[in-house]
Amino acid sequence: MRLDELKTGQNALVKDVQASHENDLIARRLRDLGFVSGEPVRIVARAPLGGDPLLVTVGFTRFALRRTEAARINVAMPDTGVSPGAAA
């Protein structure tokens, strides 16, 4: 799943950042900002009408990302320790 596909407020963990070529500066910058494997991430807010930007929290820091940037970040749902179908 990609970061831009998360629902607002939904928690996930960063898996990786996709680079479109060997020296992809945007992918490198996203990693430098903290979008690295295992970091908690969530979408805090979205621009009206589904536009840009997305307000994203990674770790304890907030960033405004374009949808195209968020689409480069692969995420996984965190293991909650609750088995599927178990009563909450």
PDB file of N, CA and C in Angstrom:
ATOM      1  N   MET A   1       0.847  -1.166   0.000  1.00  0.00           N
ATOM      2  CA  MET A   1       0.000   0.000   0.000  1.00  0.00           C
ATOM      3  C   MET A   1       0.901   1.241   0.000  1.00  0.00           C
ATOM      4  N   ARG A   2       0.420   2.285  -0.639  1.00  0.00           N
ATOM      5  CA  ARG A   2       1.181   3.544  -0.687  1.00  0.00           C
ATOM      6  C   ARG A   2       0.626   4.521   0.345  1.00  0.00           C
ATOM      7  N   LEU A   3       1.482   5.431   0.778  1.00  0.00           N
ATOM      8  CA  LEU A   3       1.084   6.409   1.789  1.00  0.00           C
ATOM      9  C   LEU A   3      -0.120   7.234   1.347  1.00  0.00           C
ATOM     10  N   ASP A   4      -0.187   7.615   0.080  1.00  0.00           N
ATOM     11  CA  ASP A   4      -1.312   8.435  -0.386  1.00  0.00           C
ATOM     12  C   ASP A   4      -2.642   7.684  -0.361  1.00  0.00           C
ATOM     13  N   GLU A   5      -2.610   6.357  -0.179  1.00  0.00           N
ATOM     14  CA  GLU A   5      -3.826   5.546  -0.131  1.00  0.00           C
ATOM     15  C   GLU A   5      -4.388   5.390   1.288  1.00  0.00           C
ATOM     16  N   LEU A   6      -3.631   5.810   2.292  1.00  0.00           N
ATOM     17  CA  LEU A   6      -4.113   5.719   3.669  1.00  0.00           C
ATOM     18  C   LEU A   6      -5.299   6.658   3.885  1.00  0.00           C
ATOM     19  N   LYS A   7      -6.170   6.270   4.776  1.00  0.00           N
ATOM     20  CA  LYS A   7      -7.258   7.153   5.190  1.00  0.00           C
ATOM     21  C   LYS A   7      -6.704   8.146   6.202  1.00  0.00           C
ATOM     22  N   THR A   8      -7.310   9.295   6.301  1.00  0.00           N
ATOM     23  CA  THR A   8      -6.886  10.296   7.274  1.00  0.00           C
ATOM     24  C   THR A   8      -6.981   9.716   8.678  1.00  0.00           C
ATOM     25  N   GLY A   9      -5.885   9.822   9.444  1.00  0.00           N
ATOM     26  CA  GLY A   9      -5.842   9.321  10.806  1.00  0.00           C
ATOM     27  C   GLY A   9      -5.409   7.876  10.944  1.00  0.00           C
ATOM     28  N   GLN A  10      -5.285   7.159   9.844  1.00  0.00           N
ATOM     29  CA  GLN A  10      -4.903   5.747   9.879  1.00  0.00           C
ATOM     30  C   GLN A  10      -3.388   5.617  10.088  1.00  0.00           C
ATOM     31  N   ASN A  11      -2.986   4.746  11.003  1.00  0.00           N
ATOM     32  CA  ASN A  11      -1.572   4.531  11.298  1.00  0.00           C
ATOM     33  C   ASN A  11      -0.982   3.453  10.403  1.00  0.00           C
ATOM     34  N   ALA A  12       0.293   3.623  10.063  1.00  0.00           N
ATOM     35  CA  ALA A  12       1.014   2.639   9.262  1.00  0.00           C
ATOM     36  C   ALA A  12       2.499   2.745   9.598  1.00  0.00           C
ATOM     37  N   LEU A  13       3.280   1.853   9.010  1.00  0.00           N
ATOM     38  CA  LEU A  13       4.730   1.882   9.150  1.00  0.00           C
ATOM     39  C   LEU A  13       5.348   2.003   7.761  1.00  0.00           C
ATOM     40  N   VAL A  14       6.384   2.791   7.654  1.00  0.00           N
ATOM     41  CA  VAL A  14       7.078   2.941   6.379  1.00  0.00           C
ATOM     42  C   VAL A  14       7.785   1.630   6.041  1.00  0.00           C
ATOM     43  N   LYS A  15       7.609   1.163   4.818  1.00  0.00           N
ATOM     44  CA  LYS A  15       8.355  -0.004   4.321  1.00  0.00           C
ATOM     45  C   LYS A  15       9.585   0.458   3.565  1.00  0.00           C
ATOM     46  N   ASP A  16       9.374   1.338   2.579  1.00  0.00           N
ATOM     47  CA  ASP A  16      10.486   1.859   1.783  1.00  0.00           C
ATOM     48  C   ASP A  16      10.022   3.029   0.942  1.00  0.00           C
ATOM     49  N   VAL A  17      10.975   3.668   0.283  1.00  0.00           N
ATOM     50  CA  VAL A  17      10.692   4.774  -0.632  1.00  0.00           C
ATOM     51  C   VAL A  17      11.131   4.328  -2.019  1.00  0.00           C
ATOM     52  N   GLN A  18      10.246   4.449  -2.988  1.00  0.00           N
ATOM     53  CA  GLN A  18      10.556   4.045  -4.362  1.00  0.00           C
ATOM     54  C   GLN A  18      11.333   5.143  -5.072  1.00  0.00           C
ATOM     55  N   ALA A  19      12.430   4.748  -5.680  1.00  0.00           N
ATOM     56  CA  ALA A  19      13.218   5.674  -6.498  1.00  0.00           C
ATOM     57  C   ALA A  19      12.903   5.395  -7.960  1.00  0.00           C
ATOM     58  N   SER A  20      12.729   6.450  -8.746  1.00  0.00           N
ATOM     59  CA  SER A  20      12.406   6.252 -10.157  1.00  0.00           C
ATOM     60  C   SER A  20      13.651   6.033 -11.012  1.00  0.00           C
ATOM     61  N   HIS A  21      14.821   6.382 -10.481  1.00  0.00           N
ATOM     62  CA  HIS A  21      16.090   6.125 -11.158  1.00  0.00           C
ATOM     63  C   HIS A  21      17.199   6.130 -10.124  1.00  0.00           C
ATOM     64  N   GLU A  22      18.421   5.838 -10.534  1.00  0.00           N
ATOM     65  CA  GLU A  22      19.535   5.642  -9.609  1.00  0.00           C
ATOM     66  C   GLU A  22      19.793   6.833  -8.685  1.00  0.00           C
ATOM     67  N   ASN A  23      19.846   8.032  -9.202  1.00  0.00           N
ATOM     68  CA  ASN A  23      20.132   9.219  -8.390  1.00  0.00           C
ATOM     69  C   ASN A  23      18.883  10.070  -8.195  1.00  0.00           C
ATOM     70  N   ASP A  24      17.801   9.452  -7.765  1.00  0.00           N
ATOM     71  CA  ASP A  24      16.520  10.128  -7.584  1.00  0.00           C
ATOM     72  C   ASP A  24      16.597  11.037  -6.352  1.00  0.00           C
ATOM     73  N   LEU A  25      16.684  12.343  -6.572  1.00  0.00           N
ATOM     74  CA  LEU A  25      16.840  13.307  -5.482  1.00  0.00           C
ATOM     75  C   LEU A  25      15.612  13.388  -4.579  1.00  0.00           C
ATOM     76  N   ILE A  26      14.431  13.201  -5.138  1.00  0.00           N
ATOM     77  CA  ILE A  26      13.211  13.264  -4.324  1.00  0.00           C
ATOM     78  C   ILE A  26      13.167  12.076  -3.364  1.00  0.00           C
ATOM     79  N   ALA A  27      13.467  10.891  -3.851  1.00  0.00           N
ATOM     80  CA  ALA A  27      13.483   9.710  -2.984  1.00  0.00           C
ATOM     81  C   ALA A  27      14.540   9.872  -1.896  1.00  0.00           C
ATOM     82  N   ARG A  28      15.681  10.385  -2.259  1.00  0.00           N
ATOM     83  CA  ARG A  28      16.746  10.606  -1.279  1.00  0.00           C
ATOM     84  C   ARG A  28      16.311  11.617  -0.216  1.00  0.00           C
ATOM     85  N   ARG A  29      15.676  12.687  -0.646  1.00  0.00           N
ATOM     86  CA  ARG A  29      15.212  13.717   0.287  1.00  0.00           C
ATOM     87  C   ARG A  29      14.147  13.168   1.236  1.00  0.00           C
ATOM     88  N   LEU A  30      13.232  12.347   0.723  1.00  0.00           N
ATOM     89  CA  LEU A  30      12.209  11.736   1.576  1.00  0.00           C
ATOM     90  C   LEU A  30      12.861  10.861   2.645  1.00  0.00           C
ATOM     91  N   ARG A  31      13.870  10.083   2.262  1.00  0.00           N
ATOM     92  CA  ARG A  31      14.592   9.264   3.235  1.00  0.00           C
ATOM     93  C   ARG A  31      15.306  10.143   4.264  1.00  0.00           C
ATOM     94  N   ASP A  32      15.922  11.231   3.784  1.00  0.00           N
ATOM     95  CA  ASP A  32      16.612  12.152   4.693  1.00  0.00           C
ATOM     96  C   ASP A  32      15.656  12.792   5.697  1.00  0.00           C
ATOM     97  N   LEU A  33      14.408  12.999   5.295  1.00  0.00           N
ATOM     98  CA  LEU A  33      13.402  13.595   6.175  1.00  0.00           C
ATOM     99  C   LEU A  33      12.880  12.607   7.225  1.00  0.00           C
ATOM    100  N   GLY A  34      13.211  11.317   7.074  1.00  0.00           N
ATOM    101  CA  GLY A  34      12.801  10.335   8.070  1.00  0.00           C
ATOM    102  C   GLY A  34      11.882   9.245   7.575  1.00  0.00           C
ATOM    103  N   PHE A  35      11.576   9.228   6.288  1.00  0.00           N
ATOM    104  CA  PHE A  35      10.725   8.180   5.731  1.00  0.00           C
ATOM    105  C   PHE A  35      11.591   6.946   5.449  1.00  0.00           C
ATOM    106  N   VAL A  36      11.915   6.238   6.547  1.00  0.00           N
ATOM    107  CA  VAL A  36      12.760   5.050   6.474  1.00  0.00           C
ATOM    108  C   VAL A  36      12.013   3.861   7.064  1.00  0.00           C
ATOM    109  N   SER A  37      12.440   2.680   6.707  1.00  0.00           N
ATOM    110  CA  SER A  37      11.773   1.453   7.116  1.00  0.00           C
ATOM    111  C   SER A  37      11.542   1.389   8.619  1.00  0.00           C
ATOM    112  N   GLY A  38      10.294   1.090   8.993  1.00  0.00           N
ATOM    113  CA  GLY A  38       9.924   0.911  10.385  1.00  0.00           C
ATOM    114  C   GLY A  38       9.394   2.145  11.091  1.00  0.00           C
ATOM    115  N   GLU A  39       9.527   3.322  10.481  1.00  0.00           N
ATOM    116  CA  GLU A  39       9.041   4.554  11.120  1.00  0.00           C
ATOM    117  C   GLU A  39       7.517   4.617  11.061  1.00  0.00           C
ATOM    118  N   PRO A  40       6.871   4.993  12.176  1.00  0.00           N
ATOM    119  CA  PRO A  40       5.415   5.173  12.150  1.00  0.00           C
ATOM    120  C   PRO A  40       5.044   6.403  11.319  1.00  0.00           C
ATOM    121  N   VAL A  41       3.966   6.281  10.571  1.00  0.00           N
ATOM    122  CA  VAL A  41       3.530   7.360   9.693  1.00  0.00           C
ATOM    123  C   VAL A  41       2.004   7.406   9.681  1.00  0.00           C
ATOM    124  N   ARG A  42       1.462   8.600   9.480  1.00  0.00           N
ATOM    125  CA  ARG A  42       0.004   8.726   9.325  1.00  0.00           C
ATOM    126  C   ARG A  42      -0.325  10.027   8.627  1.00  0.00           C
ATOM    127  N   ILE A  43      -1.452  10.033   7.940  1.00  0.00           N
ATOM    128  CA  ILE A  43      -1.941  11.251   7.293  1.00  0.00           C
ATOM    129  C   ILE A  43      -2.815  11.977   8.307  1.00  0.00           C
ATOM    130  N   VAL A  44      -2.433  13.203   8.627  1.00  0.00           N
ATOM    131  CA  VAL A  44      -3.145  14.006   9.620  1.00  0.00           C
ATOM    132  C   VAL A  44      -4.303  14.744   8.965  1.00  0.00           C
ATOM    133  N   ALA A  45      -4.072  15.293   7.767  1.00  0.00           N
ATOM    134  CA  ALA A  45      -5.116  16.057   7.071  1.00  0.00           C
ATOM    135  C   ALA A  45      -4.841  16.052   5.580  1.00  0.00           C
ATOM    136  N   ARG A  46      -5.887  16.341   4.825  1.00  0.00           N
ATOM    137  CA  ARG A  46      -5.798  16.433   3.365  1.00  0.00           C
ATOM    138  C   ARG A  46      -6.337  17.783   2.928  1.00  0.00           C
ATOM    139  N   ALA A  47      -5.818  18.267   1.824  1.00  0.00           N
ATOM    140  CA  ALA A  47      -6.347  19.504   1.244  1.00  0.00           C
ATOM    141  C   ALA A  47      -7.786  19.273   0.793  1.00  0.00           C
ATOM    142  N   PRO A  48      -8.574  20.314   0.733  1.00  0.00           N
ATOM    143  CA  PRO A  48      -9.957  20.170   0.264  1.00  0.00           C
ATOM    144  C   PRO A  48     -10.020  19.577  -1.142  1.00  0.00           C
ATOM    145  N   LEU A  49     -11.066  18.825  -1.384  1.00  0.00           N
ATOM    146  CA  LEU A  49     -11.345  18.221  -2.687  1.00  0.00           C
ATOM    147  C   LEU A  49     -10.273  17.236  -3.141  1.00  0.00           C
ATOM    148  N   GLY A  50      -9.553  16.655  -2.183  1.00  0.00           N
ATOM    149  CA  GLY A  50      -8.570  15.625  -2.508  1.00  0.00           C
ATOM    150  C   GLY A  50      -7.326  16.123  -3.205  1.00  0.00           C
ATOM    151  N   GLY A  51      -7.025  17.397  -3.081  1.00  0.00           N
ATOM    152  CA  GLY A  51      -5.853  17.966  -3.751  1.00  0.00           C
ATOM    153  C   GLY A  51      -4.601  17.908  -2.913  1.00  0.00           C
ATOM    154  N   ASP A  52      -3.627  18.700  -3.299  1.00  0.00           N
ATOM    155  CA  ASP A  52      -2.363  18.797  -2.569  1.00  0.00           C
ATOM    156  C   ASP A  52      -2.456  19.952  -1.600  1.00  0.00           C
ATOM    157  N   PRO A  53      -1.737  19.941  -0.532  1.00  0.00           N
ATOM    158  CA  PRO A  53      -0.847  18.884  -0.047  1.00  0.00           C
ATOM    159  C   PRO A  53      -1.553  17.960   0.937  1.00  0.00           C
ATOM    160  N   LEU A  54      -0.802  16.930   1.376  1.00  0.00           N
ATOM    161  CA  LEU A  54      -1.213  16.052   2.459  1.00  0.00           C
ATOM    162  C   LEU A  54      -0.369  16.429   3.666  1.00  0.00           C
ATOM    163  N   LEU A  55      -0.983  16.545   4.833  1.00  0.00           N
ATOM    164  CA  LEU A  55      -0.223  16.782   6.058  1.00  0.00           C
ATOM    165  C   LEU A  55       0.063  15.419   6.661  1.00  0.00           C
ATOM    166  N   VAL A  56       1.349  15.080   6.751  1.00  0.00           N
ATOM    167  CA  VAL A  56       1.780  13.742   7.142  1.00  0.00           C
ATOM    168  C   VAL A  56       2.666  13.830   8.378  1.00  0.00           C
ATOM    169  N   THR A  57       2.483  12.891   9.293  1.00  0.00           N
ATOM    170  CA  THR A  57       3.373  12.769  10.442  1.00  0.00           C
ATOM    171  C   THR A  57       4.227  11.529  10.245  1.00  0.00           C
ATOM    172  N   VAL A  58       5.543  11.693  10.359  1.00  0.00           N
ATOM    173  CA  VAL A  58       6.467  10.559  10.375  1.00  0.00           C
ATOM    174  C   VAL A  58       7.271  10.699  11.658  1.00  0.00           C
ATOM    175  N   GLY A  59       7.221   9.661  12.480  1.00  0.00           N
ATOM    176  CA  GLY A  59       7.826   9.784  13.803  1.00  0.00           C
ATOM    177  C   GLY A  59       7.079  10.851  14.578  1.00  0.00           C
ATOM    178  N   PHE A  60       7.791  11.900  15.007  1.00  0.00           N
ATOM    179  CA  PHE A  60       7.166  12.995  15.749  1.00  0.00           C
ATOM    180  C   PHE A  60       7.173  14.294  14.956  1.00  0.00           C
ATOM    181  N   THR A  61       7.403  14.221  13.653  1.00  0.00           N
ATOM    182  CA  THR A  61       7.538  15.406  12.813  1.00  0.00           C
ATOM    183  C   THR A  61       6.436  15.447  11.770  1.00  0.00           C
ATOM    184  N   ARG A  62       5.931  16.643  11.493  1.00  0.00           N
ATOM    185  CA  ARG A  62       4.894  16.818  10.467  1.00  0.00           C
ATOM    186  C   ARG A  62       5.487  17.443   9.214  1.00  0.00           C
ATOM    187  N   PHE A  63       5.016  16.958   8.063  1.00  0.00           N
ATOM    188  CA  PHE A  63       5.440  17.473   6.769  1.00  0.00           C
ATOM    189  C   PHE A  63       4.232  17.641   5.880  1.00  0.00           C
ATOM    190  N   ALA A  64       4.309  18.596   4.984  1.00  0.00           N
ATOM    191  CA  ALA A  64       3.313  18.720   3.913  1.00  0.00           C
ATOM    192  C   ALA A  64       3.943  18.085   2.678  1.00  0.00           C
ATOM    193  N   LEU A  65       3.276  17.066   2.139  1.00  0.00           N
ATOM    194  CA  LEU A  65       3.776  16.364   0.955  1.00  0.00           C
ATOM    195  C   LEU A  65       2.783  16.473  -0.186  1.00  0.00           C
ATOM    196  N   ARG A  66       3.303  16.547  -1.385  1.00  0.00           N
ATOM    197  CA  ARG A  66       2.440  16.429  -2.570  1.00  0.00           C
ATOM    198  C   ARG A  66       1.982  14.977  -2.668  1.00  0.00           C
ATOM    199  N   ARG A  67       0.842  14.777  -3.309  1.00  0.00           N
ATOM    200  CA  ARG A  67       0.344  13.413  -3.509  1.00  0.00           C
ATOM    201  C   ARG A  67       1.366  12.560  -4.267  1.00  0.00           C
ATOM    202  N   THR A  68       2.030  13.148  -5.247  1.00  0.00           N
ATOM    203  CA  THR A  68       3.020  12.391  -6.034  1.00  0.00           C
ATOM    204  C   THR A  68       4.201  11.943  -5.162  1.00  0.00           C
ATOM    205  N   GLU A  69       4.565  12.753  -4.180  1.00  0.00           N
ATOM    206  CA  GLU A  69       5.641  12.368  -3.254  1.00  0.00           C
ATOM    207  C   GLU A  69       5.159  11.259  -2.315  1.00  0.00           C
ATOM    208  N   ALA A  70       3.955  11.402  -1.787  1.00  0.00           N
ATOM    209  CA  ALA A  70       3.397  10.391  -0.888  1.00  0.00           C
ATOM    210  C   ALA A  70       3.210   9.057  -1.604  1.00  0.00           C
ATOM    211  N   ALA A  71       2.947   9.095  -2.902  1.00  0.00           N
ATOM    212  CA  ALA A  71       2.759   7.866  -3.678  1.00  0.00           C
ATOM    213  C   ALA A  71       4.048   7.070  -3.819  1.00  0.00           C
ATOM    214  N   ARG A  72       5.192   7.677  -3.564  1.00  0.00           N
ATOM    215  CA  ARG A  72       6.484   6.979  -3.648  1.00  0.00           C
ATOM    216  C   ARG A  72       6.799   6.199  -2.379  1.00  0.00           C
ATOM    217  N   ILE A  73       6.037   6.455  -1.304  1.00  0.00           N
ATOM    218  CA  ILE A  73       6.330   5.848  -0.003  1.00  0.00           C
ATOM    219  C   ILE A  73       5.417   4.638   0.205  1.00  0.00           C
ATOM    220  N   ASN A  74       6.028   3.456   0.295  1.00  0.00           N
ATOM    221  CA  ASN A  74       5.281   2.227   0.557  1.00  0.00           C
ATOM    222  C   ASN A  74       5.149   2.042   2.055  1.00  0.00           C
ATOM    223  N   VAL A  75       3.941   1.674   2.484  1.00  0.00           N
ATOM    224  CA  VAL A  75       3.669   1.503   3.904  1.00  0.00           C
ATOM    225  C   VAL A  75       3.027   0.150   4.159  1.00  0.00           C
ATOM    226  N   ALA A  76       3.084  -0.281   5.414  1.00  0.00           N
ATOM    227  CA  ALA A  76       2.422  -1.509   5.854  1.00  0.00           C
ATOM    228  C   ALA A  76       1.627  -1.181   7.101  1.00  0.00           C
ATOM    229  N   MET A  77       0.562  -1.904   7.300  1.00  0.00           N
ATOM    230  CA  MET A  77      -0.245  -1.704   8.494  1.00  0.00           C
ATOM    231  C   MET A  77       0.520  -2.297   9.678  1.00  0.00           C
ATOM    232  N   PRO A  78       0.521  -1.601  10.817  1.00  0.00           N
ATOM    233  CA  PRO A  78       1.258  -2.124  11.980  1.00  0.00           C
ATOM    234  C   PRO A  78       0.587  -3.366  12.534  1.00  0.00           C
ATOM    235  N   ASP A  79       1.389  -4.239  13.128  1.00  0.00           N
ATOM    236  CA  ASP A  79       0.861  -5.435  13.778  1.00  0.00           C
ATOM    237  C   ASP A  79       0.253  -5.006  15.102  1.00  0.00           C
ATOM    238  N   THR A  80      -1.059  -5.138  15.221  1.00  0.00           N
ATOM    239  CA  THR A  80      -1.751  -4.670  16.427  1.00  0.00           C
ATOM    240  C   THR A  80      -1.775  -5.727  17.518  1.00  0.00           C
ATOM    241  N   GLY A  81      -1.398  -6.956  17.181  1.00  0.00           N
ATOM    242  CA  GLY A  81      -1.438  -8.026  18.172  1.00  0.00           C
ATOM    243  C   GLY A  81      -2.815  -8.635  18.320  1.00  0.00           C
ATOM    244  N   VAL A  82      -3.787  -8.129  17.574  1.00  0.00           N
ATOM    245  CA  VAL A  82      -5.145  -8.661  17.608  1.00  0.00           C
ATOM    246  C   VAL A  82      -5.352  -9.516  16.369  1.00  0.00           C
ATOM    247  N   SER A  83      -5.807 -10.761  16.579  1.00  0.00           N
ATOM    248  CA  SER A  83      -6.028 -11.599  15.408  1.00  0.00           C
ATOM    249  C   SER A  83      -7.275 -11.194  14.661  1.00  0.00           C
ATOM    250  N   PRO A  84      -7.242 -11.362  13.332  1.00  0.00           N
ATOM    251  CA  PRO A  84      -8.412 -10.990  12.534  1.00  0.00           C
ATOM    252  C   PRO A  84      -9.647 -11.749  13.023  1.00  0.00           C
ATOM    253  N   GLY A  85     -10.745 -11.056  13.152  1.00  0.00           N
ATOM    254  CA  GLY A  85     -11.999 -11.661  13.577  1.00  0.00           C
ATOM    255  C   GLY A  85     -12.186 -11.694  15.087  1.00  0.00           C
ATOM    256  N   ALA A  86     -11.158 -11.315  15.837  1.00  0.00           N
ATOM    257  CA  ALA A  86     -11.280 -11.313  17.303  1.00  0.00           C
ATOM    258  C   ALA A  86     -12.136 -10.127  17.741  1.00  0.00           C
ATOM    259  N   ALA A  87     -12.866 -10.303  18.810  1.00  0.00           N
ATOM    260  CA  ALA A  87     -13.712  -9.220  19.320  1.00  0.00           C
ATOM    261  C   ALA A  87     -12.836  -8.119  19.888  1.00  0.00           C
ATOM    262  N   ALA A  88     -13.216  -6.871  19.614  1.00  0.00           N
ATOM    263  CA  ALA A  88     -12.405  -5.748  20.098  1.00  0.00           C
ATOM    264  C   ALA A  88     -12.821  -5.334  21.474  1.00  0.00           C
TER     265      ALA A  88
END
